[in-house]
Protein backbone atom coordinates (compact mmCIF):
# COMPACT_ATOMS: atom_id res chain seq x y z
CA GLY A 1 51.38 32.79 34.39
CA GLN A 2 48.43 34.86 33.76
CA ALA A 3 45.27 34.04 35.64
CA LEU A 4 42.31 33.17 33.50
CA LEU A 5 39.43 35.44 34.12
CA ALA A 6 36.14 33.66 34.46
CA GLN A 7 33.54 35.27 32.31
CA PRO A 8 30.34 36.02 34.15
CA GLU A 9 27.28 34.10 33.04
CA PRO A 10 24.90 36.31 31.09
CA PRO A 11 21.85 37.40 33.06
CA GLY A 12 19.02 34.93 32.72
CA GLY A 13 21.32 32.38 31.02
CA TRP A 14 19.03 29.49 31.86
CA LEU A 15 15.87 31.49 31.14
CA VAL A 16 16.35 31.83 27.38
CA PRO A 17 16.46 28.08 26.63
CA VAL A 18 13.43 27.54 28.87
CA ILE A 19 11.44 30.26 27.09
CA VAL A 20 12.44 28.91 23.65
CA SER A 21 11.51 25.35 24.67
CA LEU A 22 8.14 26.41 26.06
CA SER A 23 7.45 28.47 22.94
CA LEU A 24 8.18 25.46 20.73
CA LEU A 25 5.91 23.25 22.84
CA VAL A 26 3.09 25.80 22.56
CA LEU A 27 3.57 25.98 18.79
CA LEU A 28 3.61 22.19 18.57
CA GLY A 29 0.41 22.11 20.61
CA LEU A 30 -1.23 24.46 18.12
CA VAL A 31 -0.59 22.18 15.11
CA PRO A 32 -3.80 20.10 15.53
CA TRP A 33 -5.86 23.28 16.00
CA LEU A 34 -4.32 24.80 12.85
CA HIS A 35 -4.99 21.53 11.00
CA GLU A 36 -8.65 21.71 12.06
CA ARG A 37 -8.99 25.36 11.01
CA ARG A 38 -7.38 24.70 7.62
CA SER A 39 -9.52 21.62 7.01
CA ARG A 40 -12.69 23.46 7.99
CA TYR A 41 -11.81 26.29 5.62
CA LEU A 42 -11.10 23.93 2.72
CA HIS A 43 -14.02 21.52 3.19
CA ALA A 44 -16.85 23.39 4.87
CA HIS A 45 -18.40 24.98 1.80
CA LEU A 46 -17.80 22.73 -1.16
CA SER A 47 -20.56 22.85 -3.75
CA LEU A 48 -21.67 21.03 -6.84
CA GLY A 49 -24.63 22.60 -8.59
CA GLN A 50 -27.25 23.39 -5.95
CA GLU A 51 -25.66 21.15 -3.31
CA SER A 52 -23.47 22.91 -0.77
CA THR A 53 -21.72 21.02 2.02
CA HIS A 54 -20.97 21.74 5.64
CA LEU A 55 -18.88 19.93 8.24
CA GLU A 56 -21.07 18.51 10.96
CA ALA A 57 -19.89 18.40 14.58
CA ILE A 58 -16.20 18.67 13.85
CA ALA A 59 -14.07 20.10 16.64
CA PRO A 60 -10.39 20.67 17.37
CA ARG A 61 -10.49 17.77 19.87
CA ASP A 62 -11.05 15.38 16.94
CA PHE A 63 -7.81 16.60 15.38
CA TYR A 64 -5.98 16.49 18.72
CA ARG A 65 -7.12 12.86 19.05
CA MET A 66 -5.90 12.08 15.52
CA HIS A 67 -2.53 13.75 16.17
CA ALA A 68 -2.20 11.84 19.44
CA GLY A 69 -2.84 8.65 17.47
CA LEU A 70 -0.10 9.64 15.02
CA LEU A 71 2.28 10.27 17.90
CA GLY A 72 1.35 6.89 19.40
CA LEU A 73 1.92 5.21 16.04
CA LEU A 74 5.35 6.83 15.71
CA LEU A 75 6.31 5.82 19.25
CA GLY A 76 5.10 2.26 18.56
CA LEU A 77 7.10 2.10 15.34
CA MET A 78 10.18 3.35 17.17
CA LEU A 79 9.67 0.70 19.85
CA LEU A 80 9.34 -1.95 17.13
CA HIS A 81 12.54 -0.58 15.60
CA LEU A 82 14.31 -1.01 18.95
CA LEU A 83 12.96 -4.54 19.37
CA CYS A 84 14.14 -5.47 15.89
CA ALA A 85 17.54 -3.81 16.42
CA PRO A 86 19.50 -7.11 16.27
CA LEU A 87 17.94 -7.97 12.90
CA ILE A 88 18.50 -4.45 11.63
CA ALA A 89 22.11 -4.54 12.86
CA ALA A 90 22.69 -7.80 10.99
CA ALA A 91 21.24 -6.28 7.81
CA GLU A 92 23.29 -3.11 8.33
CA ALA A 93 26.45 -5.23 8.40
CA ILE A 94 25.64 -6.23 4.81
CA ALA A 95 24.27 -2.91 3.50
CA PRO A 96 24.44 -0.15 6.13
CA LEU A 97 23.18 2.80 4.10
CA LEU A 98 20.44 0.86 2.36
CA THR A 99 19.10 -0.66 5.59
CA GLY A 100 18.92 2.67 7.41
CA LEU A 101 17.31 4.29 4.40
CA LEU A 102 14.68 1.55 4.10
CA VAL A 103 13.80 1.69 7.80
CA ASP A 104 13.47 5.49 7.68
CA ILE A 105 11.37 5.39 4.51
CA GLY A 106 9.13 2.74 6.05
CA LEU A 107 8.58 4.90 9.13
CA LEU A 108 7.83 8.00 7.06
CA LEU A 109 5.49 6.22 4.65
CA THR A 110 3.55 4.64 7.50
CA ALA A 111 3.20 7.98 9.29
CA ARG A 112 2.16 9.70 6.03
CA ALA A 113 -0.40 6.98 5.25
CA TYR A 114 -1.88 7.24 8.75
CA TRP A 115 -2.09 11.04 8.46
CA VAL A 116 -3.78 10.93 5.03
CA ALA A 117 -6.21 8.13 5.87
CA ARG A 118 -7.32 9.49 9.24
CA THR A 119 -7.71 13.04 7.92
CA GLN A 120 -9.77 11.82 4.96
CA ASP A 121 -11.98 9.63 7.14
CA LEU A 122 -12.51 12.38 9.69
CA LEU A 123 -13.49 14.98 7.10
CA TRP A 124 -15.61 12.89 4.75
CA ASN A 125 -17.48 11.18 7.59
CA ARG A 126 -18.52 14.61 8.90
CA MET A 127 -19.34 16.25 5.55
CA ARG A 128 -23.05 16.72 4.80
CA SER A 129 -25.34 18.61 2.47
CA ALA A 130 -29.12 18.94 2.27
CA HIS A 131 -29.44 15.74 0.25
CA LEU A 132 -26.09 13.96 0.53
CA SER A 133 -23.91 12.42 3.18
CA PHE A 134 -20.58 10.64 2.86
CA THR A 135 -18.67 7.86 4.57
CA SER A 136 -14.99 7.07 4.21
CA ALA A 137 -13.04 4.05 5.41
CA LEU A 138 -9.56 4.32 3.95
CA PRO A 139 -7.41 1.44 5.23
CA VAL A 140 -3.99 2.64 6.37
CA HIS A 141 -2.27 -0.64 5.54
CA ARG A 142 -3.44 -0.56 1.90
CA LEU A 143 -2.21 3.01 1.57
CA VAL A 144 1.19 2.06 3.04
CA LEU A 145 1.52 -0.84 0.59
CA LEU A 146 0.51 1.40 -2.33
CA TYR A 147 3.03 4.06 -1.26
CA LEU A 148 5.77 1.40 -1.10
CA LYS A 149 4.82 0.00 -4.52
CA ASN A 150 4.75 3.48 -6.03
CA MET A 151 8.11 4.35 -4.49
CA VAL A 152 9.74 1.21 -5.91
CA LEU A 153 8.22 1.69 -9.36
CA CYS A 154 9.12 5.39 -9.45
CA THR A 155 12.70 4.51 -8.48
CA VAL A 156 13.00 1.72 -11.07
CA THR A 157 11.53 3.88 -13.86
CA LEU A 158 13.52 6.97 -12.81
CA GLY A 159 10.31 8.87 -12.05
CA LEU A 160 8.35 7.99 -15.19
CA TYR A 161 5.82 6.05 -13.12
CA TRP A 162 4.91 9.17 -11.09
CA PRO A 163 1.67 10.06 -12.97
CA PHE A 164 0.45 6.48 -12.64
CA ALA A 165 1.34 6.52 -8.93
CA ALA A 166 -0.69 9.69 -8.40
CA VAL A 167 -3.68 8.15 -10.19
CA ALA A 168 -3.39 4.94 -8.14
CA VAL A 169 -3.40 6.90 -4.86
CA ALA A 170 -6.35 9.03 -5.99
CA ARG A 171 -8.24 5.88 -7.04
CA LEU A 172 -7.68 4.19 -3.68
CA ARG A 173 -8.77 7.32 -1.81
CA LEU A 174 -11.89 7.76 -3.95
CA GLU A 175 -12.86 4.10 -3.71
CA ALA A 176 -12.87 4.47 0.09
CA VAL A 177 -15.60 7.15 -0.07
CA GLN A 178 -19.28 6.31 -0.38
CA VAL A 179 -21.98 8.84 -1.23
CA HIS A 180 -25.41 8.41 0.38
CA SER A 181 -28.39 10.23 -1.08
CA LYS A 182 -31.57 11.19 0.78
CA VAL A 183 -33.38 11.69 -2.52
CA ALA A 184 -35.22 8.65 -3.87
């Protein structure tokens, strides 16, 4: 027979995956910084009449802390998923697609609610003007429950509930913000 010729490994064969992986890690590490820059741009100079706002003492480290919290939440939810694996497996025996879909949706809605609530609290608690200050305390669990309710109602009504869902989320977010005036 004919001998198989071994093809030589391309030069730097291991180097390319390492460079790509490091590049992706650097880009991932820049996400909180980009989130801070975008938020500062959007919220630093809001105005209503003569009142103009600024963000007080906000830094990229606040966003890195928030993103670390999101990562911790996701890891905790994944650990909970592993601990509940026997229950999930039993449910999957009955309805495999539905169970996996519900678990994934629950994880995504919880992560989204955490992201929205923590970003809102961080920004509104640091926003000031000459005569106004703001506080925000948006509870993540209430936002998760509202997202779940909205998802179910939008599914049942084939999307007709969507405008009401958007109003409900906006109402919850606005009710979490308090305005404090320095003017008597």
